[in-house]
N, C-alpha and C. Protein backbone atom coordinates (compact mmCIF):
# COMPACT_ATOMS: atom_id res chain seq x y z
N MET A 1 108.11 108.50 89.32
CA MET A 1 108.09 108.04 90.56
C MET A 1 107.46 109.22 91.51
N ARG A 2 106.80 108.76 92.40
CA ARG A 2 106.17 109.97 93.62
C ARG A 2 107.50 110.22 94.41
N LYS A 3 107.89 111.40 94.32
CA LYS A 3 108.86 112.03 95.06
C LYS A 3 108.65 112.06 96.41
N VAL A 4 107.42 111.91 96.90
CA VAL A 4 107.20 111.91 98.30
C VAL A 4 107.68 110.74 98.98
N LEU A 5 107.71 109.83 98.10
CA LEU A 5 108.35 108.51 98.64
C LEU A 5 109.93 108.65 99.26
N TYR A 6 110.53 109.52 98.60
CA TYR A 6 111.85 110.10 99.29
C TYR A 6 111.66 110.24 100.60
N ILE A 7 110.75 111.15 100.97
CA ILE A 7 110.48 111.83 102.19
C ILE A 7 109.71 110.86 103.10
N LEU A 8 108.70 110.18 102.76
CA LEU A 8 108.13 109.19 103.66
C LEU A 8 109.09 107.88 103.98
N GLY A 9 109.93 107.52 103.05
CA GLY A 9 110.86 106.36 103.38
C GLY A 9 111.65 106.53 104.48
N GLN A 10 111.90 108.05 104.93
CA GLN A 10 112.89 108.46 105.86
C GLN A 10 112.21 108.69 107.15
N LEU A 11 110.86 108.91 107.15
CA LEU A 11 110.26 109.36 108.27
C LEU A 11 109.68 108.08 108.87
N ASP A 12 109.21 108.03 109.99
CA ASP A 12 108.52 106.87 110.51
C ASP A 12 107.09 106.92 110.41
N ASP A 13 106.43 105.99 110.96
CA ASP A 13 104.74 106.04 110.95
C ASP A 13 104.31 107.26 111.83
N ARG A 14 104.78 107.30 113.09
CA ARG A 14 104.28 108.47 113.89
C ARG A 14 104.63 109.87 113.06
N ASP A 15 105.52 110.09 112.51
CA ASP A 15 105.80 111.45 111.66
C ASP A 15 104.65 111.43 110.49
N VAL A 16 104.40 110.31 109.70
CA VAL A 16 103.27 110.52 108.73
C VAL A 16 102.10 110.87 109.52
N ASP A 17 101.82 110.16 110.58
CA ASP A 17 100.56 110.45 111.13
C ASP A 17 100.28 111.84 111.63
N TRP A 18 101.35 112.45 112.33
CA TRP A 18 101.39 113.96 112.67
C TRP A 18 101.22 114.85 111.23
N PHE A 19 101.68 114.38 110.24
CA PHE A 19 101.29 115.11 109.09
C PHE A 19 99.94 115.26 108.77
N ALA A 20 99.40 113.94 108.83
CA ALA A 20 97.81 113.72 108.58
C ALA A 20 97.09 114.81 109.72
N ARG A 21 97.53 114.70 110.85
CA ARG A 21 96.78 115.39 111.76
C ARG A 21 96.90 116.85 111.91
N ILE A 22 98.11 117.44 111.50
CA ILE A 22 98.43 118.70 111.53
C ILE A 22 98.40 119.53 110.27
N GLY A 23 98.31 118.50 109.03
CA GLY A 23 98.10 119.30 107.97
C GLY A 23 96.69 119.72 107.43
N VAL A 24 96.55 120.32 106.61
CA VAL A 24 95.41 120.86 106.23
C VAL A 24 95.17 120.57 104.75
N LYS A 25 94.05 119.81 104.51
CA LYS A 25 93.76 119.30 103.27
C LYS A 25 93.24 120.52 102.52
N ARG A 26 93.51 120.74 101.41
CA ARG A 26 93.12 122.16 100.54
C ARG A 26 92.76 121.62 99.17
N ARG A 27 91.84 122.25 98.74
CA ARG A 27 91.33 122.05 97.43
C ARG A 27 91.88 123.33 96.63
N VAL A 28 92.57 122.87 95.34
CA VAL A 28 93.10 124.18 94.61
C VAL A 28 92.28 123.85 93.08
N PRO A 29 91.36 124.99 93.08
CA PRO A 29 90.76 124.94 91.90
C PRO A 29 91.46 125.02 90.40
N ALA A 30 91.09 124.71 89.58
CA ALA A 30 91.77 124.43 88.14
C ALA A 30 91.95 126.15 87.95
N GLY A 31 93.31 126.31 87.53
CA GLY A 31 93.69 127.63 87.10
C GLY A 31 94.48 128.70 88.43
N GLN A 32 93.98 128.06 89.48
CA GLN A 32 94.38 129.01 90.72
C GLN A 32 96.07 128.83 90.97
N ARG A 33 96.53 129.82 91.26
CA ARG A 33 98.08 129.73 91.62
C ARG A 33 98.08 129.25 93.07
N LEU A 34 99.16 128.46 93.13
CA LEU A 34 99.42 128.02 94.75
C LEU A 34 100.58 128.53 95.13
N ILE A 35 101.61 128.85 94.29
CA ILE A 35 102.85 129.22 94.62
C ILE A 35 103.25 130.27 93.38
N THR A 36 103.64 131.46 94.04
CA THR A 36 104.03 132.52 93.19
C THR A 36 105.53 133.03 93.00
N GLN A 37 106.31 132.66 92.06
CA GLN A 37 107.66 133.08 91.76
C GLN A 37 108.21 134.44 92.35
N GLY A 38 109.10 134.29 93.52
CA GLY A 38 109.29 135.66 94.22
C GLY A 38 108.78 136.00 95.11
N GLN A 39 107.52 135.34 95.62
CA GLN A 39 106.74 135.83 96.66
C GLN A 39 106.88 134.61 97.93
N PRO A 40 107.34 135.16 98.94
CA PRO A 40 107.49 134.26 100.13
C PRO A 40 106.40 133.23 100.45
N ILE A 41 106.62 132.05 100.69
CA ILE A 41 105.32 131.02 101.08
C ILE A 41 105.64 130.71 102.35
N ASN A 42 104.64 130.21 103.16
CA ASN A 42 104.79 129.68 104.62
C ASN A 42 104.02 128.16 104.55
N SER A 43 104.06 127.56 103.75
CA SER A 43 103.93 126.22 103.51
C SER A 43 104.66 125.29 102.57
N LEU A 44 104.69 124.18 103.01
CA LEU A 44 105.25 122.94 102.18
C LEU A 44 103.82 122.18 101.72
N TYR A 45 103.84 121.55 100.50
CA TYR A 45 102.81 120.97 100.18
C TYR A 45 103.06 119.59 99.58
N ILE A 46 102.05 118.69 99.77
CA ILE A 46 102.08 117.29 99.18
C ILE A 46 100.99 117.46 98.46
N VAL A 47 101.30 117.04 97.16
CA VAL A 47 99.83 116.80 96.00
C VAL A 47 99.23 115.20 96.28
N ILE A 48 98.23 115.48 96.63
CA ILE A 48 97.21 114.45 96.50
C ILE A 48 96.53 113.90 95.55
N GLU A 49 96.04 114.89 95.01
CA GLU A 49 95.19 114.78 93.62
C GLU A 49 95.42 115.85 92.71
N GLY A 50 95.40 115.30 91.34
CA GLY A 50 95.50 116.46 90.35
C GLY A 50 96.91 116.50 90.00
N HIS A 51 96.95 117.59 88.93
CA HIS A 51 98.25 118.02 88.50
C HIS A 51 98.49 119.72 88.61
N LEU A 52 99.74 119.76 88.88
CA LEU A 52 100.31 121.27 88.87
C LEU A 52 101.25 121.62 87.64
N ALA A 53 100.96 122.69 87.28
CA ALA A 53 102.07 123.04 86.25
C ALA A 53 103.35 124.14 87.00
N VAL A 54 104.59 123.83 86.62
CA VAL A 54 105.49 124.71 87.34
C VAL A 54 106.12 125.67 86.13
N THR A 55 106.14 126.93 86.24
CA THR A 55 106.65 127.78 85.26
C THR A 55 107.68 128.68 85.98
N VAL A 56 108.33 129.39 85.14
CA VAL A 56 109.51 130.36 85.30
C VAL A 56 109.29 131.31 84.57
N ASN A 57 109.18 132.50 85.25
CA ASN A 57 109.00 133.88 84.39
C ASN A 57 110.39 133.86 83.27
N GLY A 58 109.91 134.45 82.18
CA GLY A 58 110.85 134.49 81.21
C GLY A 58 111.03 133.06 80.57
N VAL A 59 110.79 132.00 80.93
CA VAL A 59 111.15 130.63 80.59
C VAL A 59 109.69 129.93 79.95
N GLY A 60 108.77 130.09 80.84
CA GLY A 60 107.50 129.25 80.83
C GLY A 60 107.41 127.95 81.45
N ARG A 61 106.74 127.10 81.21
CA ARG A 61 106.38 125.96 81.76
C ARG A 61 107.67 124.99 81.83
N ILE A 62 108.06 124.42 82.84
CA ILE A 62 109.10 123.77 82.76
C ILE A 62 108.84 122.19 83.46
N ALA A 63 107.56 122.27 83.90
CA ALA A 63 107.40 120.76 84.56
C ALA A 63 105.47 120.72 84.79
N SER A 64 105.58 119.45 84.83
CA SER A 64 103.97 119.25 85.32
C SER A 64 104.04 118.14 86.33
N ILE A 65 103.35 118.39 87.65
CA ILE A 65 103.78 117.47 88.76
C ILE A 65 102.43 116.88 88.88
N GLY A 66 102.24 115.65 89.75
CA GLY A 66 101.05 115.10 90.36
C GLY A 66 101.14 114.64 91.57
N ALA A 67 100.13 113.66 91.66
CA ALA A 67 99.98 112.97 93.24
C ALA A 67 101.21 112.47 93.60
N GLY A 68 101.72 112.64 94.83
CA GLY A 68 102.94 112.15 95.32
C GLY A 68 104.16 113.08 95.07
N GLU A 69 103.77 114.32 94.75
CA GLU A 69 104.97 115.31 94.52
C GLU A 69 104.83 116.28 95.61
N VAL A 70 106.01 116.98 95.87
CA VAL A 70 106.05 117.89 96.75
C VAL A 70 106.41 119.21 96.24
N VAL A 71 105.71 120.35 96.86
CA VAL A 71 106.26 121.82 96.13
C VAL A 71 106.46 122.77 97.52
N GLY A 72 107.30 123.27 97.21
CA GLY A 72 107.60 124.35 98.33
C GLY A 72 108.80 123.98 99.10
N GLU A 73 109.33 122.87 98.79
CA GLU A 73 110.47 122.28 99.82
C GLU A 73 111.66 123.32 99.78
N MET A 74 112.14 123.91 98.67
CA MET A 74 113.31 124.62 98.57
C MET A 74 113.09 125.83 99.43
N SER A 75 111.98 126.40 99.21
CA SER A 75 111.73 127.63 100.05
C SER A 75 111.65 127.23 101.64
N PHE A 76 111.05 125.95 101.92
CA PHE A 76 111.16 125.76 103.24
C PHE A 76 112.34 125.52 103.97
N VAL A 77 113.55 124.81 103.19
CA VAL A 77 114.66 124.65 103.73
C VAL A 77 115.68 126.06 103.57
N ASP A 78 115.57 126.71 102.64
CA ASP A 78 116.48 127.86 102.52
C ASP A 78 116.01 129.20 102.90
N SER A 79 114.34 129.21 102.98
CA SER A 79 113.59 130.42 103.34
C SER A 79 113.81 131.42 102.37
N ALA A 80 114.20 131.15 101.09
CA ALA A 80 114.18 132.09 100.05
C ALA A 80 112.80 132.13 99.32
N PRO A 81 112.52 133.07 98.52
CA PRO A 81 111.38 133.10 97.94
C PRO A 81 111.50 132.03 96.76
N PRO A 82 110.09 131.56 96.37
CA PRO A 82 110.45 130.41 95.46
C PRO A 82 111.02 130.87 93.97
N SER A 83 111.50 129.93 93.38
CA SER A 83 112.27 130.34 92.06
C SER A 83 111.24 129.82 90.91
N ALA A 84 110.11 129.44 91.07
CA ALA A 84 108.94 129.12 90.14
C ALA A 84 107.64 129.34 90.59
N SER A 85 106.68 129.49 89.66
CA SER A 85 105.28 129.65 90.06
C SER A 85 104.58 128.28 90.09
N VAL A 86 103.65 127.96 90.75
CA VAL A 86 103.12 126.75 90.51
C VAL A 86 101.37 126.76 90.56
N ASP A 87 100.88 126.52 89.46
CA ASP A 87 99.26 126.70 89.26
C ASP A 87 98.54 125.37 89.04
N ALA A 88 97.43 125.05 89.36
CA ALA A 88 96.58 124.03 89.20
C ALA A 88 96.38 123.83 87.79
N GLU A 89 96.50 122.87 87.00
CA GLU A 89 96.28 122.52 85.80
C GLU A 89 94.66 122.19 85.83
N GLU A 90 94.40 121.38 86.85
CA GLU A 90 93.00 120.69 86.92
C GLU A 90 92.66 121.00 88.33
N GLU A 91 91.56 120.76 88.83
CA GLU A 91 91.06 120.78 90.22
C GLU A 91 92.11 119.84 90.99
N CYS A 92 92.79 120.18 92.06
CA CYS A 92 93.71 119.51 92.81
C CYS A 92 93.37 119.52 94.43
N VAL A 93 93.96 118.59 94.93
CA VAL A 93 93.97 118.48 96.34
C VAL A 93 95.48 118.31 96.92
N VAL A 94 95.74 119.14 97.87
CA VAL A 94 97.20 119.22 98.49
C VAL A 94 96.83 119.03 100.01
N LEU A 95 98.03 118.65 100.54
CA LEU A 95 98.04 118.35 101.98
C LEU A 95 99.11 119.49 102.39
N GLU A 96 98.54 120.69 102.95
CA GLU A 96 99.31 121.93 103.18
C GLU A 96 100.09 121.62 104.83
N LEU A 97 101.08 121.76 104.75
CA LEU A 97 101.95 121.66 106.10
C LEU A 97 102.35 123.16 106.31
N SER A 98 102.05 123.75 107.25
CA SER A 98 102.56 125.18 107.68
C SER A 98 104.04 125.18 108.17
N ARG A 99 104.75 126.17 107.52
CA ARG A 99 106.16 126.53 108.18
C ARG A 99 106.01 126.58 109.64
N ARG A 100 105.18 127.28 110.19
CA ARG A 100 105.30 127.54 111.66
C ARG A 100 105.11 126.03 112.45
N ASP A 101 104.17 125.34 111.96
CA ASP A 101 104.20 123.86 112.49
C ASP A 101 105.09 123.07 112.42
N LEU A 102 105.80 122.95 111.16
CA LEU A 102 106.89 122.01 110.88
C LEU A 102 108.19 122.73 111.71
N THR A 103 108.36 124.04 111.72
CA THR A 103 109.41 124.39 112.52
C THR A 103 109.35 124.20 114.14
N ALA A 104 108.16 124.13 114.65
CA ALA A 104 107.89 123.99 115.93
C ALA A 104 108.27 122.46 116.24
N LYS A 105 107.62 121.38 115.38
CA LYS A 105 107.94 120.27 115.32
C LYS A 105 109.62 119.74 115.32
N LEU A 106 110.14 120.58 114.47
CA LEU A 106 111.58 120.24 114.30
C LEU A 106 112.44 120.81 115.62
N ALA A 107 111.74 121.89 115.99
CA ALA A 107 112.66 122.08 117.31
C ALA A 107 112.49 121.26 118.42
N SER A 108 111.27 120.83 118.58
CA SER A 108 110.90 119.93 119.78
C SER A 108 111.10 118.49 119.56
N ASP A 109 111.42 117.92 118.57
CA ASP A 109 111.83 116.41 118.29
C ASP A 109 112.76 116.34 117.50
N PRO A 110 114.11 115.86 118.05
CA PRO A 110 115.40 116.00 117.39
C PRO A 110 115.43 114.95 116.54
N GLY A 111 114.81 113.75 116.70
CA GLY A 111 114.49 112.54 116.05
C GLY A 111 113.75 112.77 114.70
N PHE A 112 112.70 113.57 114.51
CA PHE A 112 111.95 114.05 113.68
C PHE A 112 112.90 114.86 112.70
N MET A 113 113.43 115.74 113.31
CA MET A 113 114.46 116.71 112.66
C MET A 113 115.56 116.07 111.69
N GLY A 114 116.22 115.11 112.64
CA GLY A 114 117.07 114.39 111.73
C GLY A 114 116.58 113.55 110.54
N ARG A 115 115.33 113.09 110.75
CA ARG A 115 114.68 111.99 109.42
C ARG A 115 114.05 112.95 108.59
N PHE A 116 113.72 114.19 109.01
CA PHE A 116 113.08 115.03 107.97
C PHE A 116 113.98 115.57 107.05
N TYR A 117 115.13 116.19 107.56
CA TYR A 117 116.23 116.83 106.87
C TYR A 117 117.02 115.76 105.93
N LYS A 118 117.12 114.61 106.38
CA LYS A 118 117.78 113.61 105.72
C LYS A 118 116.94 113.25 104.52
N ALA A 119 115.57 113.30 104.62
CA ALA A 119 114.64 113.11 103.84
C ALA A 119 114.80 114.34 102.58
N MET A 120 114.74 115.56 103.12
CA MET A 120 114.82 116.69 102.21
C MET A 120 116.25 116.78 101.39
N ALA A 121 117.23 116.41 102.08
CA ALA A 121 118.46 116.23 101.20
C ALA A 121 118.44 114.87 100.12
N LEU A 122 117.83 114.01 100.65
CA LEU A 122 117.62 112.78 99.29
C LEU A 122 116.66 113.32 98.09
N PHE A 123 115.62 114.04 98.69
CA PHE A 123 114.85 114.47 97.62
C PHE A 123 115.29 115.63 96.73
N LEU A 124 116.03 116.63 97.42
CA LEU A 124 116.56 117.72 96.70
C LEU A 124 117.87 117.28 95.79
N ALA A 125 118.82 116.21 96.35
CA ALA A 125 119.55 115.63 95.36
C ALA A 125 119.11 115.22 94.34
N ASP A 126 118.03 114.29 94.25
CA ASP A 126 117.53 113.73 93.12
C ASP A 126 117.11 114.67 92.15
N ARG A 127 116.35 115.69 92.83
CA ARG A 127 115.81 116.73 91.65
C ARG A 127 117.09 117.54 90.89
N LEU A 128 117.86 117.59 91.81
CA LEU A 128 119.43 118.32 91.27
C LEU A 128 119.89 117.42 90.25
N ARG A 129 119.98 116.22 90.49
CA ARG A 129 120.47 115.48 89.53
C ARG A 129 119.91 115.25 88.22
N ASN A 130 118.63 115.14 88.32
CA ASN A 130 117.87 114.77 87.08
C ASN A 130 117.62 116.35 86.38
N SER A 131 117.75 117.38 87.07
CA SER A 131 117.95 118.81 86.26
C SER A 131 119.03 118.82 85.52
N ALA A 132 120.09 118.39 86.30
CA ALA A 132 121.42 118.57 85.67
C ALA A 132 121.49 117.60 84.40
N SER A 133 121.00 116.36 84.30
CA SER A 133 121.19 115.60 83.43
C SER A 133 120.31 116.24 81.98
N HIS A 134 118.94 116.71 82.37
CA HIS A 134 117.99 117.33 81.52
C HIS A 134 118.86 118.53 80.70
N ARG A 135 119.69 119.22 81.13
CA ARG A 135 120.26 120.30 80.87
C ARG A 135 121.69 119.85 79.97
N GLY A 136 121.79 118.56 80.16
CA GLY A 136 123.21 118.11 79.24
C GLY A 136 124.36 118.23 79.89
N TYR A 137 124.37 118.35 81.17
CA TYR A 137 125.70 118.21 81.94
C TYR A 137 126.25 116.74 82.01
N GLY A 138 127.33 116.69 81.78
CA GLY A 138 127.90 115.24 81.56
C GLY A 138 127.73 114.57 80.24
N GLU A 139 127.13 115.26 79.28
CA GLU A 139 126.57 114.46 78.19
C GLU A 139 127.87 113.79 77.50
N ASP A 140 129.24 114.36 77.65
CA ASP A 140 130.49 113.61 77.00
C ASP A 140 130.62 112.37 77.72
N SER A 141 130.35 112.40 78.95
CA SER A 141 130.85 110.93 79.92
C SER A 141 129.77 109.78 79.46
N THR A 142 130.43 108.91 79.56
CA THR A 142 129.64 107.45 79.21
C THR A 142 129.36 106.85 80.65
N LEU A 143 128.10 106.00 80.45
CA LEU A 143 127.51 105.73 81.53
C LEU A 143 127.91 104.12 81.68
N ALA A 144 128.66 103.66 82.75
CA ALA A 144 128.88 102.52 83.13
C ALA A 144 127.84 101.69 83.59
N THR A 145 127.53 100.32 83.39
CA THR A 145 126.23 99.70 83.75
C THR A 145 126.08 99.67 85.17
N GLU A 146 127.29 99.75 85.88
CA GLU A 146 126.93 99.89 87.37
C GLU A 146 126.64 101.20 87.95
N ASP A 147 126.24 102.25 87.06
CA ASP A 147 125.88 103.71 87.44
C ASP A 147 124.44 103.55 87.53
N VAL A 148 123.86 104.72 88.56
CA VAL A 148 122.52 104.70 88.70
C VAL A 148 122.19 105.60 87.43
N LEU A 149 121.00 104.84 86.79
CA LEU A 149 120.60 105.51 85.56
C LEU A 149 119.25 106.46 86.04
N GLU A 150 118.93 107.45 85.28
CA GLU A 150 117.84 108.03 85.69
C GLU A 150 116.53 107.40 85.82
N ASP A 151 115.69 107.68 86.95
CA ASP A 151 114.71 107.24 87.31
C ASP A 151 114.79 105.76 88.07
N GLU A 152 116.07 105.42 88.27
CA GLU A 152 116.50 104.14 88.93
C GLU A 152 116.61 104.56 90.56
N LEU A 153 116.33 103.88 91.39
CA LEU A 153 116.79 104.17 92.71
C LEU A 153 118.08 103.40 93.23
N ASP A 154 118.99 104.04 94.12
CA ASP A 154 120.06 102.98 94.47
C ASP A 154 119.66 102.33 95.65
N ASP A 155 120.20 101.30 96.16
CA ASP A 155 119.59 100.19 96.92
C ASP A 155 119.17 100.81 98.34
N ALA A 156 119.93 101.77 98.90
CA ALA A 156 119.47 102.36 100.08
C ALA A 156 118.10 103.09 100.21
N ILE A 157 117.80 103.64 99.14
CA ILE A 157 116.49 104.37 98.97
C ILE A 157 115.38 103.11 98.74
N LEU A 158 115.86 102.28 97.54
CA LEU A 158 114.64 101.28 97.24
C LEU A 158 114.25 100.34 98.39
N ASP A 159 114.99 100.22 99.51
CA ASP A 159 114.61 99.50 100.69
C ASP A 159 113.47 100.22 101.25
N SER A 160 113.41 101.43 101.37
CA SER A 160 112.48 102.18 101.98
C SER A 160 111.07 102.45 101.03
N VAL A 161 111.31 102.26 99.75
CA VAL A 161 110.24 102.71 98.94
C VAL A 161 108.74 101.86 98.95
N SER A 162 108.64 100.59 99.27
CA SER A 162 107.58 100.03 99.70
C SER A 162 106.81 100.27 101.03
N GLN A 163 107.79 100.55 101.96
CA GLN A 163 107.26 101.33 103.27
C GLN A 163 106.56 102.41 102.93
N ALA A 164 107.32 103.36 102.23
CA ALA A 164 106.92 104.68 101.94
C ALA A 164 105.70 104.61 101.08
N GLY A 165 105.40 103.92 100.13
CA GLY A 165 104.28 103.57 99.41
C GLY A 165 103.01 103.47 100.47
N ASP A 166 103.19 102.52 101.20
CA ASP A 166 102.28 102.08 102.16
C ASP A 166 101.88 103.31 103.02
N ARG A 167 102.95 104.19 103.39
CA ARG A 167 102.68 105.23 104.41
C ARG A 167 101.92 106.33 103.61
N PHE A 168 102.08 106.58 102.17
CA PHE A 168 101.29 107.70 101.33
C PHE A 168 99.98 106.90 101.05
N ASP A 169 99.73 105.61 100.87
CA ASP A 169 98.42 105.25 100.71
C ASP A 169 97.53 105.33 101.85
N ARG A 170 98.26 105.27 103.12
CA ARG A 170 97.59 105.72 104.57
C ARG A 170 97.30 106.86 104.73
N LEU A 171 98.21 107.75 104.25
CA LEU A 171 98.18 109.45 104.57
C LEU A 171 96.90 109.56 103.63
N ILE A 172 96.78 109.19 102.44
CA ILE A 172 95.62 109.40 101.68
C ILE A 172 94.30 108.95 102.17
N LYS A 173 94.18 107.61 102.57
CA LYS A 173 93.00 107.34 103.53
C LYS A 173 92.75 107.91 104.53
N THR A 174 93.57 108.44 105.37
CA THR A 174 93.51 109.22 106.53
C THR A 174 92.73 110.56 106.09
N LEU A 175 93.24 111.19 105.19
CA LEU A 175 92.77 112.38 104.59
C LEU A 175 91.28 112.27 103.99
N SER A 176 91.18 111.25 103.43
CA SER A 176 89.61 110.88 102.67
C SER A 176 88.68 111.32 103.38
N SER A 177 88.85 111.35 104.77
CA SER A 177 87.65 111.52 105.79
C SER A 177 87.79 113.12 106.06
N ALA A 178 88.99 113.61 105.93
CA ALA A 178 88.97 114.91 106.30
C ALA A 178 88.40 116.06 105.52
N ARG A 179 87.77 117.22 106.11
CA ARG A 179 87.21 118.09 105.48
C ARG A 179 88.17 119.07 104.48
N LEU A 180 87.87 119.40 103.35
CA LEU A 180 88.81 120.26 102.80
C LEU A 180 88.56 121.82 103.11
N ALA A 181 89.73 122.51 103.16
CA ALA A 181 89.76 123.84 103.74
C ALA A 181 89.43 124.81 102.44
């Protein structure tokens, strides 16, 4: 599932239009490092095209992420340096949203701030839940049929997924005419 749907499902159309206006469409050549573990970053990225590898020093590759994924969100929320490195597996296109621009928007628009941080909370909760299940936490418990299974969405999020998908498609179409940085 495209994780950006968690974010775009909570935002409104004006917020997504603002992303398209203020963000920088950036080409990342194959093999180039986008984020370096332990080094502060000043942007949040939405993957538009291609695949990125996520690696952790001493562990190796832990994930591959593609279009519709978001990177840099943890460091945006807590300002700590990234806990992993992110490299382009192939030529990629990302939408770069600078910390400076996002911080200014959050400070000047309380509605956006509420929507944005709710979206981040849902996004990070899903990532933590999936990470915990992949590491075997809770293996001894049995799942009841009413429990939300991995890759399923709860009803509250499911309601916004279709609209979020439309917003992501509109964002991509808007960016298709934008020049690459």
